[in-house]
């Protein structure tokens, strides 16, 4: 059985509370495209850090100037996926909105790691 690291991701001394804004919906055939439902706010706990050089390489150059952050959380994070009929999660943290760039699904070990770039705020 894999090592469960969810206690680290949920640690009260390391993390903080924030919200995921998830927009459920589905892709429709033809030119209709994505049909979204009302966004849902999901309170979660996680640890934020500045994106390191290796992960920053995954961020398109045009998005690097807005600022990117890394998140570790025990809550599953969703990335845009037509197969799962959902769009990417957005995060609200310290008055700024962030959109997902990549997810490392370490669910077998009790956590998810993701890179987000700032959409709004300074």
PDB file of N, CA and C in Angstrom:
ATOM      1  N   UNK A   1       0.837  -1.179   0.000  1.00  0.00           N
ATOM      2  CA  UNK A   1       0.000   0.000   0.000  1.00  0.00           C
ATOM      3  C   UNK A   1       0.889   1.253   0.000  1.00  0.00           C
ATOM      4  N   UNK A   2       0.556   2.243  -0.855  1.00  0.00           N
ATOM      5  CA  UNK A   2       1.372   3.462  -0.918  1.00  0.00           C
ATOM      6  C   UNK A   2       1.315   4.260   0.382  1.00  0.00           C
ATOM      7  N   UNK A   3       2.326   5.039   0.591  1.00  0.00           N
ATOM      8  CA  UNK A   3       2.415   5.928   1.736  1.00  0.00           C
ATOM      9  C   UNK A   3       1.352   7.017   1.617  1.00  0.00           C
ATOM     10  N   UNK A   4       0.571   7.280   2.656  1.00  0.00           N
ATOM     11  CA  UNK A   4      -0.487   8.295   2.633  1.00  0.00           C
ATOM     12  C   UNK A   4       0.074   9.610   3.167  1.00  0.00           C
ATOM     13  N   UNK A   5       0.178  10.613   2.296  1.00  0.00           N
ATOM     14  CA  UNK A   5       0.721  11.914   2.667  1.00  0.00           C
ATOM     15  C   UNK A   5      -0.362  12.976   2.851  1.00  0.00           C
ATOM     16  N   UNK A   6      -1.627  12.559   2.933  1.00  0.00           N
ATOM     17  CA  UNK A   6      -2.713  13.529   3.072  1.00  0.00           C
ATOM     18  C   UNK A   6      -2.601  14.334   4.366  1.00  0.00           C
ATOM     19  N   UNK A   7      -2.008  13.769   5.417  1.00  0.00           N
ATOM     20  CA  UNK A   7      -1.831  14.511   6.669  1.00  0.00           C
ATOM     21  C   UNK A   7      -0.922  15.726   6.470  1.00  0.00           C
ATOM     22  N   UNK A   8       0.074  15.597   5.612  1.00  0.00           N
ATOM     23  CA  UNK A   8       0.965  16.721   5.327  1.00  0.00           C
ATOM     24  C   UNK A   8       0.213  17.792   4.541  1.00  0.00           C
ATOM     25  N   UNK A   9      -0.564  17.362   3.525  1.00  0.00           N
ATOM     26  CA  UNK A   9      -1.327  18.308   2.710  1.00  0.00           C
ATOM     27  C   UNK A   9      -2.381  19.038   3.537  1.00  0.00           C
ATOM     28  N   UNK A  10      -2.916  18.373   4.566  1.00  0.00           N
ATOM     29  CA  UNK A  10      -3.956  18.964   5.412  1.00  0.00           C
ATOM     30  C   UNK A  10      -3.416  19.606   6.686  1.00  0.00           C
ATOM     31  N   UNK A  11      -2.115  19.654   6.850  1.00  0.00           N
ATOM     32  CA  UNK A  11      -1.514  20.151   8.079  1.00  0.00           C
ATOM     33  C   UNK A  11      -1.922  21.596   8.370  1.00  0.00           C
ATOM     34  N   UNK A  12      -2.447  21.842   9.569  1.00  0.00           N
ATOM     35  CA  UNK A  12      -2.923  23.177   9.957  1.00  0.00           C
ATOM     36  C   UNK A  12      -1.793  24.187  10.068  1.00  0.00           C
ATOM     37  N   UNK A  13      -0.580  23.733  10.342  1.00  0.00           N
ATOM     38  CA  UNK A  13       0.552  24.649  10.457  1.00  0.00           C
ATOM     39  C   UNK A  13       1.131  25.047   9.099  1.00  0.00           C
ATOM     40  N   UNK A  14       0.901  24.240   8.080  1.00  0.00           N
ATOM     41  CA  UNK A  14       1.482  24.501   6.765  1.00  0.00           C
ATOM     42  C   UNK A  14       0.499  25.154   5.783  1.00  0.00           C
ATOM     43  N   UNK A  15      -0.772  24.805   5.888  1.00  0.00           N
ATOM     44  CA  UNK A  15      -1.735  25.219   4.879  1.00  0.00           C
ATOM     45  C   UNK A  15      -2.677  26.313   5.320  1.00  0.00           C
ATOM     46  N   UNK A  16      -3.646  26.570   4.449  1.00  0.00           N
ATOM     47  CA  UNK A  16      -4.688  27.547   4.730  1.00  0.00           C
ATOM     48  C   UNK A  16      -5.928  27.212   3.910  1.00  0.00           C
ATOM     49  N   UNK A  17      -7.028  27.829   4.289  1.00  0.00           N
ATOM     50  CA  UNK A  17      -8.306  27.591   3.616  1.00  0.00           C
ATOM     51  C   UNK A  17      -8.459  28.528   2.419  1.00  0.00           C
ATOM     52  N   UNK A  18      -9.118  28.034   1.381  1.00  0.00           N
ATOM     53  CA  UNK A  18      -9.451  28.835   0.208  1.00  0.00           C
ATOM     54  C   UNK A  18     -10.568  28.111  -0.523  1.00  0.00           C
ATOM     55  N   UNK A  19     -10.985  28.621  -1.682  1.00  0.00           N
ATOM     56  CA  UNK A  19     -12.098  28.035  -2.426  1.00  0.00           C
ATOM     57  C   UNK A  19     -11.700  27.645  -3.834  1.00  0.00           C
ATOM     58  N   UNK A  20     -12.205  26.505  -4.264  1.00  0.00           N
ATOM     59  CA  UNK A  20     -12.168  26.112  -5.668  1.00  0.00           C
ATOM     60  C   UNK A  20     -13.499  26.532  -6.266  1.00  0.00           C
ATOM     61  N   UNK A  21     -13.459  27.110  -7.452  1.00  0.00           N
ATOM     62  CA  UNK A  21     -14.678  27.396  -8.199  1.00  0.00           C
ATOM     63  C   UNK A  21     -14.709  26.402  -9.343  1.00  0.00           C
ATOM     64  N   UNK A  22     -15.639  25.459  -9.255  1.00  0.00           N
ATOM     65  CA  UNK A  22     -15.752  24.382 -10.245  1.00  0.00           C
ATOM     66  C   UNK A  22     -17.024  24.611 -11.056  1.00  0.00           C
ATOM     67  N   UNK A  23     -16.888  24.548 -12.383  1.00  0.00           N
ATOM     68  CA  UNK A  23     -18.032  24.740 -13.261  1.00  0.00           C
ATOM     69  C   UNK A  23     -18.386  23.410 -13.903  1.00  0.00           C
ATOM     70  N   UNK A  24     -19.390  22.737 -13.372  1.00  0.00           N
ATOM     71  CA  UNK A  24     -19.798  21.471 -13.984  1.00  0.00           C
ATOM     72  C   UNK A  24     -20.505  21.741 -15.305  1.00  0.00           C
ATOM     73  N   UNK A  25     -20.562  20.751 -16.145  1.00  0.00           N
ATOM     74  CA  UNK A  25     -21.234  20.873 -17.427  1.00  0.00           C
ATOM     75  C   UNK A  25     -20.864  19.715 -18.322  1.00  0.00           C
ATOM     76  N   UNK A  26     -21.077  19.905 -19.617  1.00  0.00           N
ATOM     77  CA  UNK A  26     -20.747  18.846 -20.562  1.00  0.00           C
ATOM     78  C   UNK A  26     -20.488  19.431 -21.938  1.00  0.00           C
ATOM     79  N   UNK A  27     -19.730  18.678 -22.748  1.00  0.00           N
ATOM     80  CA  UNK A  27     -19.483  19.077 -24.120  1.00  0.00           C
ATOM     81  C   UNK A  27     -20.644  18.583 -24.972  1.00  0.00           C
ATOM     82  N   UNK A  28     -21.167  19.440 -25.842  1.00  0.00           N
ATOM     83  CA  UNK A  28     -22.232  19.063 -26.762  1.00  0.00           C
ATOM     84  C   UNK A  28     -21.618  18.847 -28.142  1.00  0.00           C
ATOM     85  N   UNK A  29     -22.211  17.967 -28.910  1.00  0.00           N
ATOM     86  CA  UNK A  29     -21.718  17.693 -30.253  1.00  0.00           C
ATOM     87  C   UNK A  29     -21.969  18.881 -31.177  1.00  0.00           C
ATOM     88  N   UNK A  30     -21.168  18.986 -32.195  1.00  0.00           N
ATOM     89  CA  UNK A  30     -21.349  20.058 -33.164  1.00  0.00           C
ATOM     90  C   UNK A  30     -20.695  21.342 -32.711  1.00  0.00           C
ATOM     91  N   UNK A  31     -21.239  22.472 -33.142  1.00  0.00           N
ATOM     92  CA  UNK A  31     -20.648  23.774 -32.860  1.00  0.00           C
ATOM     93  C   UNK A  31     -21.077  24.356 -31.522  1.00  0.00           C
ATOM     94  N   UNK A  32     -21.914  23.654 -30.788  1.00  0.00           N
ATOM     95  CA  UNK A  32     -22.403  24.168 -29.511  1.00  0.00           C
ATOM     96  C   UNK A  32     -21.266  24.259 -28.502  1.00  0.00           C
ATOM     97  N   UNK A  33     -20.401  23.242 -28.469  1.00  0.00           N
ATOM     98  CA  UNK A  33     -19.264  23.254 -27.556  1.00  0.00           C
ATOM     99  C   UNK A  33     -19.659  22.971 -26.115  1.00  0.00           C
ATOM    100  N   UNK A  34     -18.973  23.642 -25.190  1.00  0.00           N
ATOM    101  CA  UNK A  34     -19.168  23.417 -23.757  1.00  0.00           C
ATOM    102  C   UNK A  34     -20.470  24.033 -23.277  1.00  0.00           C
ATOM    103  N   UNK A  35     -21.278  23.255 -22.586  1.00  0.00           N
ATOM    104  CA  UNK A  35     -22.498  23.749 -21.965  1.00  0.00           C
ATOM    105  C   UNK A  35     -22.295  23.691 -20.456  1.00  0.00           C
ATOM    106  N   UNK A  36     -22.068  24.848 -19.869  1.00  0.00           N
ATOM    107  CA  UNK A  36     -21.725  24.913 -18.445  1.00  0.00           C
ATOM    108  C   UNK A  36     -22.962  25.109 -17.586  1.00  0.00           C
ATOM    109  N   UNK A  37     -22.891  24.549 -16.393  1.00  0.00           N
ATOM    110  CA  UNK A  37     -23.896  24.782 -15.370  1.00  0.00           C
ATOM    111  C   UNK A  37     -23.403  25.928 -14.485  1.00  0.00           C
ATOM    112  N   UNK A  38     -24.128  26.232 -13.438  1.00  0.00           N
ATOM    113  CA  UNK A  38     -23.711  27.280 -12.506  1.00  0.00           C
ATOM    114  C   UNK A  38     -22.450  26.857 -11.755  1.00  0.00           C
ATOM    115  N   UNK A  39     -21.496  27.771 -11.588  1.00  0.00           N
ATOM    116  CA  UNK A  39     -20.281  27.444 -10.827  1.00  0.00           C
ATOM    117  C   UNK A  39     -20.603  27.073  -9.377  1.00  0.00           C
ATOM    118  N   UNK A  40     -19.813  26.163  -8.848  1.00  0.00           N
ATOM    119  CA  UNK A  40     -19.966  25.697  -7.469  1.00  0.00           C
ATOM    120  C   UNK A  40     -18.709  26.076  -6.702  1.00  0.00           C
ATOM    121  N   UNK A  41     -18.871  26.682  -5.525  1.00  0.00           N
ATOM    122  CA  UNK A  41     -17.728  27.035  -4.666  1.00  0.00           C
ATOM    123  C   UNK A  41     -17.496  25.891  -3.684  1.00  0.00           C
ATOM    124  N   UNK A  42     -16.265  25.385  -3.687  1.00  0.00           N
ATOM    125  CA  UNK A  42     -15.905  24.257  -2.832  1.00  0.00           C
ATOM    126  C   UNK A  42     -14.792  24.703  -1.890  1.00  0.00           C
ATOM    127  N   UNK A  43     -15.065  24.806  -0.577  1.00  0.00           N
ATOM    128  CA  UNK A  43     -13.995  25.176   0.359  1.00  0.00           C
ATOM    129  C   UNK A  43     -13.033  24.005   0.542  1.00  0.00           C
ATOM    130  N   UNK A  44     -11.726  24.297   0.434  1.00  0.00           N
ATOM    131  CA  UNK A  44     -10.715  23.256   0.633  1.00  0.00           C
ATOM    132  C   UNK A  44      -9.552  23.825   1.434  1.00  0.00           C
ATOM    133  N   UNK A  45      -8.634  22.956   1.768  1.00  0.00           N
ATOM    134  CA  UNK A  45      -7.433  23.297   2.535  1.00  0.00           C
ATOM    135  C   UNK A  45      -6.222  22.872   1.720  1.00  0.00           C
ATOM    136  N   UNK A  46      -5.177  23.675   1.721  1.00  0.00           N
ATOM    137  CA  UNK A  46      -3.980  23.292   0.997  1.00  0.00           C
ATOM    138  C   UNK A  46      -2.801  24.194   1.301  1.00  0.00           C
ATOM    139  N   UNK A  47      -1.666  23.837   0.749  1.00  0.00           N
ATOM    140  CA  UNK A  47      -0.427  24.570   0.941  1.00  0.00           C
ATOM    141  C   UNK A  47       0.021  25.159  -0.385  1.00  0.00           C
ATOM    142  N   UNK A  48       0.237  26.468  -0.395  1.00  0.00           N
ATOM    143  CA  UNK A  48       0.682  27.190  -1.586  1.00  0.00           C
ATOM    144  C   UNK A  48       2.180  27.421  -1.508  1.00  0.00           C
ATOM    145  N   UNK A  49       2.824  27.440  -2.671  1.00  0.00           N
ATOM    146  CA  UNK A  49       4.228  27.825  -2.752  1.00  0.00           C
ATOM    147  C   UNK A  49       4.478  28.446  -4.125  1.00  0.00           C
ATOM    148  N   UNK A  50       5.584  29.145  -4.243  1.00  0.00           N
ATOM    149  CA  UNK A  50       5.972  29.712  -5.524  1.00  0.00           C
ATOM    150  C   UNK A  50       6.385  28.568  -6.443  1.00  0.00           C
ATOM    151  N   UNK A  51       6.023  28.663  -7.711  1.00  0.00           N
ATOM    152  CA  UNK A  51       6.355  27.611  -8.663  1.00  0.00           C
ATOM    153  C   UNK A  51       7.866  27.561  -8.891  1.00  0.00           C
ATOM    154  N   UNK A  52       8.442  26.370  -8.754  1.00  0.00           N
ATOM    155  CA  UNK A  52       9.880  26.221  -8.963  1.00  0.00           C
ATOM    156  C   UNK A  52      10.210  26.150 -10.459  1.00  0.00           C
ATOM    157  N   UNK A  53      11.481  26.187 -10.789  1.00  0.00           N
ATOM    158  CA  UNK A  53      11.931  26.228 -12.175  1.00  0.00           C
ATOM    159  C   UNK A  53      11.449  25.067 -13.026  1.00  0.00           C
ATOM    160  N   UNK A  54      11.462  23.870 -12.477  1.00  0.00           N
ATOM    161  CA  UNK A  54      11.044  22.690 -13.238  1.00  0.00           C
ATOM    162  C   UNK A  54       9.564  22.775 -13.599  1.00  0.00           C
ATOM    163  N   UNK A  55       8.727  23.146 -12.633  1.00  0.00           N
ATOM    164  CA  UNK A  55       7.294  23.270 -12.910  1.00  0.00           C
ATOM    165  C   UNK A  55       6.981  24.499 -13.759  1.00  0.00           C
ATOM    166  N   UNK A  56       7.780  25.549 -13.617  1.00  0.00           N
ATOM    167  CA  UNK A  56       7.568  26.765 -14.396  1.00  0.00           C
ATOM    168  C   UNK A  56       7.722  26.501 -15.890  1.00  0.00           C
ATOM    169  N   UNK A  57       8.500  25.492 -16.247  1.00  0.00           N
ATOM    170  CA  UNK A  57       8.664  25.145 -17.655  1.00  0.00           C
ATOM    171  C   UNK A  57       7.351  24.698 -18.288  1.00  0.00           C
ATOM    172  N   UNK A  58       6.395  24.232 -17.487  1.00  0.00           N
ATOM    173  CA  UNK A  58       5.090  23.805 -18.000  1.00  0.00           C
ATOM    174  C   UNK A  58       4.162  24.985 -18.280  1.00  0.00           C
ATOM    175  N   UNK A  59       4.504  26.152 -17.750  1.00  0.00           N
ATOM    176  CA  UNK A  59       3.669  27.336 -17.903  1.00  0.00           C
ATOM    177  C   UNK A  59       4.033  28.027 -19.216  1.00  0.00           C
ATOM    178  N   UNK A  60       3.040  28.291 -20.092  1.00  0.00           N
ATOM    179  CA  UNK A  60       3.345  29.021 -21.323  1.00  0.00           C
ATOM    180  C   UNK A  60       3.998  30.363 -21.009  1.00  0.00           C
ATOM    181  N   UNK A  61       4.913  30.787 -21.864  1.00  0.00           N
ATOM    182  CA  UNK A  61       5.674  32.010 -21.603  1.00  0.00           C
ATOM    183  C   UNK A  61       4.783  33.221 -21.395  1.00  0.00           C
ATOM    184  N   UNK A  62       3.683  33.325 -22.127  1.00  0.00           N
ATOM    185  CA  UNK A  62       2.780  34.464 -21.976  1.00  0.00           C
ATOM    186  C   UNK A  62       2.119  34.524 -20.609  1.00  0.00           C
ATOM    187  N   UNK A  63       1.973  33.371 -19.937  1.00  0.00           N
ATOM    188  CA  UNK A  63       1.356  33.324 -18.612  1.00  0.00           C
ATOM    189  C   UNK A  63       2.357  33.531 -17.489  1.00  0.00           C
ATOM    190  N   UNK A  64       3.638  33.445 -17.780  1.00  0.00           N
ATOM    191  CA  UNK A  64       4.646  33.540 -16.720  1.00  0.00           C
ATOM    192  C   UNK A  64       4.690  34.921 -16.085  1.00  0.00           C
ATOM    193  N   UNK A  65       4.324  35.969 -16.830  1.00  0.00           N
ATOM    194  CA  UNK A  65       4.386  37.321 -16.285  1.00  0.00           C
ATOM    195  C   UNK A  65       3.271  37.595 -15.283  1.00  0.00           C
ATOM    196  N   UNK A  66       2.188  36.808 -15.318  1.00  0.00           N
ATOM    197  CA  UNK A  66       1.073  37.037 -14.393  1.00  0.00           C
ATOM    198  C   UNK A  66       1.344  36.451 -13.020  1.00  0.00           C
ATOM    199  N   UNK A  67       2.269  35.538 -12.937  1.00  0.00           N
ATOM    200  CA  UNK A  67       2.593  34.897 -11.666  1.00  0.00           C
ATOM    201  C   UNK A  67       1.987  33.515 -11.587  1.00  0.00           C
ATOM    202  N   UNK A  68       2.780  32.562 -11.160  1.00  0.00           N
ATOM    203  CA  UNK A  68       2.280  31.199 -11.013  1.00  0.00           C
ATOM    204  C   UNK A  68       2.579  30.700  -9.613  1.00  0.00           C
ATOM    205  N   UNK A  69       1.724  29.814  -9.150  1.00  0.00           N
ATOM    206  CA  UNK A  69       1.848  29.241  -7.815  1.00  0.00           C
ATOM    207  C   UNK A  69       1.654  27.737  -7.907  1.00  0.00           C
ATOM    208  N   UNK A  70       2.219  27.028  -6.952  1.00  0.00           N
ATOM    209  CA  UNK A  70       2.048  25.596  -6.831  1.00  0.00           C
ATOM    210  C   UNK A  70       1.159  25.331  -5.614  1.00  0.00           C
ATOM    211  N   UNK A  71       0.286  24.355  -5.736  1.00  0.00           N
ATOM    212  CA  UNK A  71      -0.628  24.007  -4.657  1.00  0.00           C
ATOM    213  C   UNK A  71      -0.536  22.526  -4.370  1.00  0.00           C
ATOM    214  N   UNK A  72      -0.508  22.166  -3.083  1.00  0.00           N
ATOM    215  CA  UNK A  72      -0.601  20.780  -2.646  1.00  0.00           C
ATOM    216  C   UNK A  72      -1.817  20.690  -1.740  1.00  0.00           C
ATOM    217  N   UNK A  73      -2.718  19.766  -2.056  1.00  0.00           N
ATOM    218  CA  UNK A  73      -3.948  19.614  -1.288  1.00  0.00           C
ATOM    219  C   UNK A  73      -4.377  18.150  -1.281  1.00  0.00           C
ATOM    220  N   UNK A  74      -5.157  17.768  -0.277  1.00  0.00           N
ATOM    221  CA  UNK A  74      -5.701  16.416  -0.221  1.00  0.00           C
ATOM    222  C   UNK A  74      -7.000  16.320  -1.016  1.00  0.00           C
ATOM    223  N   UNK A  75      -7.495  17.444  -1.516  1.00  0.00           N
ATOM    224  CA  UNK A  75      -8.720  17.476  -2.311  1.00  0.00           C
ATOM    225  C   UNK A  75      -8.376  17.293  -3.781  1.00  0.00           C
ATOM    226  N   UNK A  76      -9.118  16.445  -4.466  1.00  0.00           N
ATOM    227  CA  UNK A  76      -8.864  16.225  -5.889  1.00  0.00           C
ATOM    228  C   UNK A  76      -9.090  17.515  -6.665  1.00  0.00           C
ATOM    229  N   UNK A  77      -8.173  17.811  -7.561  1.00  0.00           N
ATOM    230  CA  UNK A  77      -8.245  19.004  -8.400  1.00  0.00           C
ATOM    231  C   UNK A  77      -8.487  18.546  -9.833  1.00  0.00           C
ATOM    232  N   UNK A  78      -9.371  19.260 -10.526  1.00  0.00           N
ATOM    233  CA  UNK A  78      -9.719  18.866 -11.892  1.00  0.00           C
ATOM    234  C   UNK A  78      -9.072  19.765 -12.926  1.00  0.00           C
ATOM    235  N   UNK A  79      -8.656  19.149 -13.982  1.00  0.00           N
ATOM    236  CA  UNK A  79      -8.060  19.825 -15.122  1.00  0.00           C
ATOM    237  C   UNK A  79      -9.050  19.688 -16.280  1.00  0.00           C
ATOM    238  N   UNK A  80      -8.994  20.572 -17.257  1.00  0.00           N
ATOM    239  CA  UNK A  80      -9.908  20.476 -18.391  1.00  0.00           C
ATOM    240  C   UNK A  80      -9.814  19.093 -19.015  1.00  0.00           C
ATOM    241  N   UNK A  81     -10.974  18.467 -19.198  1.00  0.00           N
ATOM    242  CA  UNK A  81     -11.002  17.125 -19.758  1.00  0.00           C
ATOM    243  C   UNK A  81     -12.317  16.901 -20.469  1.00  0.00           C
ATOM    244  N   UNK A  82     -12.278  16.787 -21.785  1.00  0.00           N
ATOM    245  CA  UNK A  82     -13.497  16.504 -22.539  1.00  0.00           C
ATOM    246  C   UNK A  82     -14.038  15.125 -22.184  1.00  0.00           C
ATOM    247  N   UNK A  83     -13.152  14.177 -21.925  1.00  0.00           N
ATOM    248  CA  UNK A  83     -13.574  12.818 -21.601  1.00  0.00           C
ATOM    249  C   UNK A  83     -14.395  12.771 -20.313  1.00  0.00           C
ATOM    250  N   UNK A  84     -14.041  13.632 -19.327  1.00  0.00           N
ATOM    251  CA  UNK A  84     -14.788  13.677 -18.066  1.00  0.00           C
ATOM    252  C   UNK A  84     -15.873  14.741 -18.084  1.00  0.00           C
ATOM    253  N   UNK A  85     -16.009  15.447 -19.210  1.00  0.00           N
ATOM    254  CA  UNK A  85     -17.028  16.488 -19.383  1.00  0.00           C
ATOM    255  C   UNK A  85     -16.952  17.564 -18.307  1.00  0.00           C
ATOM    256  N   UNK A  86     -15.781  18.123 -18.115  1.00  0.00           N
ATOM    257  CA  UNK A  86     -15.643  19.212 -17.145  1.00  0.00           C
ATOM    258  C   UNK A  86     -14.533  20.154 -17.573  1.00  0.00           C
ATOM    259  N   UNK A  87     -14.618  21.389 -17.135  1.00  0.00           N
ATOM    260  CA  UNK A  87     -13.542  22.328 -17.408  1.00  0.00           C
ATOM    261  C   UNK A  87     -12.676  22.438 -16.167  1.00  0.00           C
ATOM    262  N   UNK A  88     -11.565  23.127 -16.306  1.00  0.00           N
ATOM    263  CA  UNK A  88     -10.623  23.192 -15.200  1.00  0.00           C
ATOM    264  C   UNK A  88     -11.180  23.975 -14.018  1.00  0.00           C
ATOM    265  N   UNK A  89     -10.698  23.623 -12.857  1.00  0.00           N
ATOM    266  CA  UNK A  89     -11.041  24.360 -11.646  1.00  0.00           C
ATOM    267  C   UNK A  89     -10.339  25.711 -11.672  1.00  0.00           C
ATOM    268  N   UNK A  90     -10.949  26.664 -11.003  1.00  0.00           N
ATOM    269  CA  UNK A  90     -10.304  27.942 -10.746  1.00  0.00           C
ATOM    270  C   UNK A  90     -10.200  28.077  -9.238  1.00  0.00           C
ATOM    271  N   UNK A  91      -9.184  28.793  -8.783  1.00  0.00           N
ATOM    272  CA  UNK A  91      -8.979  28.968  -7.354  1.00  0.00           C
ATOM    273  C   UNK A  91      -9.065  30.430  -6.990  1.00  0.00           C
ATOM    274  N   UNK A  92      -9.685  30.685  -5.850  1.00  0.00           N
ATOM    275  CA  UNK A  92      -9.716  32.033  -5.289  1.00  0.00           C
ATOM    276  C   UNK A  92      -8.843  32.007  -4.044  1.00  0.00           C
ATOM    277  N   UNK A  93      -7.779  32.813  -4.067  1.00  0.00           N
ATOM    278  CA  UNK A  93      -6.833  32.827  -2.952  1.00  0.00           C
ATOM    279  C   UNK A  93      -6.344  34.254  -2.750  1.00  0.00           C
ATOM    280  N   UNK A  94      -6.512  34.761  -1.543  1.00  0.00           N
ATOM    281  CA  UNK A  94      -6.063  36.103  -1.164  1.00  0.00           C
ATOM    282  C   UNK A  94      -6.545  37.184  -2.136  1.00  0.00           C
ATOM    283  N   UNK A  95      -7.799  37.061  -2.547  1.00  0.00           N
ATOM    284  CA  UNK A  95      -8.418  38.066  -3.404  1.00  0.00           C
ATOM    285  C   UNK A  95      -8.062  37.959  -4.870  1.00  0.00           C
ATOM    286  N   UNK A  96      -7.299  36.963  -5.258  1.00  0.00           N
ATOM    287  CA  UNK A  96      -6.925  36.764  -6.661  1.00  0.00           C
ATOM    288  C   UNK A  96      -7.565  35.488  -7.197  1.00  0.00           C
ATOM    289  N   UNK A  97      -7.817  35.462  -8.500  1.00  0.00           N
ATOM    290  CA  UNK A  97      -8.325  34.267  -9.164  1.00  0.00           C
ATOM    291  C   UNK A  97      -7.184  33.621  -9.940  1.00  0.00           C
ATOM    292  N   UNK A  98      -7.089  32.303  -9.856  1.00  0.00           N
ATOM    293  CA  UNK A  98      -6.056  31.531 -10.537  1.00  0.00           C
ATOM    294  C   UNK A  98      -6.715  30.453 -11.390  1.00  0.00           C
ATOM    295  N   UNK A  99      -6.115  30.134 -12.526  1.00  0.00           N
ATOM    296  CA  UNK A  99      -6.595  29.035 -13.359  1.00  0.00           C
ATOM    297  C   UNK A  99      -5.525  27.954 -13.411  1.00  0.00           C
ATOM    298  N   UNK A 100      -5.977  26.744 -13.630  1.00  0.00           N
ATOM    299  CA  UNK A 100      -5.088  25.593 -13.601  1.00  0.00           C
ATOM    300  C   UNK A 100      -4.247  25.501 -14.871  1.00  0.00           C
ATOM    301  N   UNK A 101      -3.011  25.085 -14.726  1.00  0.00           N
ATOM    302  CA  UNK A 101      -2.120  24.828 -15.859  1.00  0.00           C
ATOM    303  C   UNK A 101      -1.828  23.333 -15.956  1.00  0.00           C
ATOM    304  N   UNK A 102      -1.491  22.705 -14.844  1.00  0.00           N
ATOM    305  CA  UNK A 102      -1.220  21.267 -14.856  1.00  0.00           C
ATOM    306  C   UNK A 102      -1.514  20.676 -13.481  1.00  0.00           C
ATOM    307  N   UNK A 103      -1.825  19.393 -13.489  1.00  0.00           N
ATOM    308  CA  UNK A 103      -2.106  18.651 -12.255  1.00  0.00           C
ATOM    309  C   UNK A 103      -1.227  17.422 -12.207  1.00  0.00           C
ATOM    310  N   UNK A 104      -0.659  17.183 -11.050  1.00  0.00           N
ATOM    311  CA  UNK A 104       0.049  15.929 -10.788  1.00  0.00           C
ATOM    312  C   UNK A 104      -0.852  15.119  -9.859  1.00  0.00           C
ATOM    313  N   UNK A 105      -1.511  14.088 -10.380  1.00  0.00           N
ATOM    314  CA  UNK A 105      -2.496  13.340  -9.584  1.00  0.00           C
ATOM    315  C   UNK A 105      -1.842  12.273  -8.702  1.00  0.00           C
ATOM    316  N   UNK A 106      -1.444  12.675  -7.530  1.00  0.00           N
ATOM    317  CA  UNK A 106      -0.830  11.752  -6.573  1.00  0.00           C
ATOM    318  C   UNK A 106      -1.875  11.223  -5.599  1.00  0.00           C
ATOM    319  N   UNK A 107      -3.088  10.974  -6.090  1.00  0.00           N
ATOM    320  CA  UNK A 107      -4.189  10.510  -5.251  1.00  0.00           C
ATOM    321  C   UNK A 107      -3.897   9.222  -4.506  1.00  0.00           C
ATOM    322  N   UNK A 108      -3.101   8.343  -5.099  1.00  0.00           N
ATOM    323  CA  UNK A 108      -2.738   7.097  -4.410  1.00  0.00           C
ATOM    324  C   UNK A 108      -1.939   7.370  -3.148  1.00  0.00           C
ATOM    325  N   UNK A 109      -1.287   8.539  -3.091  1.00  0.00           N
ATOM    326  CA  UNK A 109      -0.493   8.930  -1.929  1.00  0.00           C
ATOM    327  C   UNK A 109      -1.214   9.947  -1.061  1.00  0.00           C
ATOM    328  N   UNK A 110      -2.466  10.275  -1.415  1.00  0.00           N
ATOM    329  CA  UNK A 110      -3.287  11.129  -0.563  1.00  0.00           C
ATOM    330  C   UNK A 110      -3.225  12.612  -0.868  1.00  0.00           C
ATOM    331  N   UNK A 111      -2.648  13.012  -2.009  1.00  0.00           N
ATOM    332  CA  UNK A 111      -2.610  14.445  -2.306  1.00  0.00           C
ATOM    333  C   UNK A 111      -2.578  14.691  -3.811  1.00  0.00           C
ATOM    334  N   UNK A 112      -2.874  15.919  -4.186  1.00  0.00           N
ATOM    335  CA  UNK A 112      -2.773  16.387  -5.561  1.00  0.00           C
ATOM    336  C   UNK A 112      -1.881  17.618  -5.553  1.00  0.00           C
ATOM    337  N   UNK A 113      -1.074  17.758  -6.584  1.00  0.00           N
ATOM    338  CA  UNK A 113      -0.231  18.925  -6.741  1.00  0.00           C
ATOM    339  C   UNK A 113      -0.592  19.574  -8.069  1.00  0.00           C
ATOM    340  N   UNK A 114      -0.708  20.899  -8.073  1.00  0.00           N
ATOM    341  CA  UNK A 114      -1.115  21.590  -9.294  1.00  0.00           C
ATOM    342  C   UNK A 114      -0.388  22.917  -9.439  1.00  0.00           C
ATOM    343  N   UNK A 115      -0.233  23.351 -10.678  1.00  0.00           N
ATOM    344  CA  UNK A 115       0.339  24.652 -10.985  1.00  0.00           C
ATOM    345  C   UNK A 115      -0.789  25.530 -11.501  1.00  0.00           C
ATOM    346  N   UNK A 116      -0.912  26.731 -10.917  1.00  0.00           N
ATOM    347  CA  UNK A 116      -1.940  27.683 -11.295  1.00  0.00           C
ATOM    348  C   UNK A 116      -1.283  29.000 -11.679  1.00  0.00           C
ATOM    349  N   UNK A 117      -1.922  29.734 -12.597  1.00  0.00           N
ATOM    350  CA  UNK A 117      -1.452  31.086 -12.932  1.00  0.00           C
ATOM    351  C   UNK A 117      -2.549  32.079 -12.602  1.00  0.00           C
ATOM    352  N   UNK A 118      -2.125  33.284 -12.207  1.00  0.00           N
ATOM    353  CA  UNK A 118      -3.071  34.315 -11.769  1.00  0.00           C
ATOM    354  C   UNK A 118      -3.843  34.853 -12.979  1.00  0.00           C
ATOM    355  N   UNK A 119      -5.159  34.974 -12.798  1.00  0.00           N
ATOM    356  CA  UNK A 119      -6.039  35.525 -13.826  1.00  0.00           C
ATOM    357  C   UNK A 119      -6.376  36.989 -13.512  1.00  0.00           C
ATOM    358  N   UNK A 120      -6.640  37.278 -12.238  1.00  0.00           N
ATOM    359  CA  UNK A 120      -7.008  38.629 -11.813  1.00  0.00           C
ATOM    360  C   UNK A 120      -6.221  39.006 -10.580  1.00  0.00           C
ATOM    361  N   UNK A 121      -6.167  40.273 -10.274  1.00  0.00           N
ATOM    362  CA  UNK A 121      -5.482  40.746  -9.090  1.00  0.00           C
ATOM    363  C   UNK A 121      -4.082  41.209  -9.426  1.00  0.00           C
ATOM    364  N   UNK A 122      -3.350  41.542  -8.363  1.00  0.00           N
ATOM    365  CA  UNK A 122      -1.991  42.048  -8.592  1.00  0.00           C
ATOM    366  C   UNK A 122      -0.997  41.308  -7.723  1.00  0.00           C
TER     367      UNK A 122
END
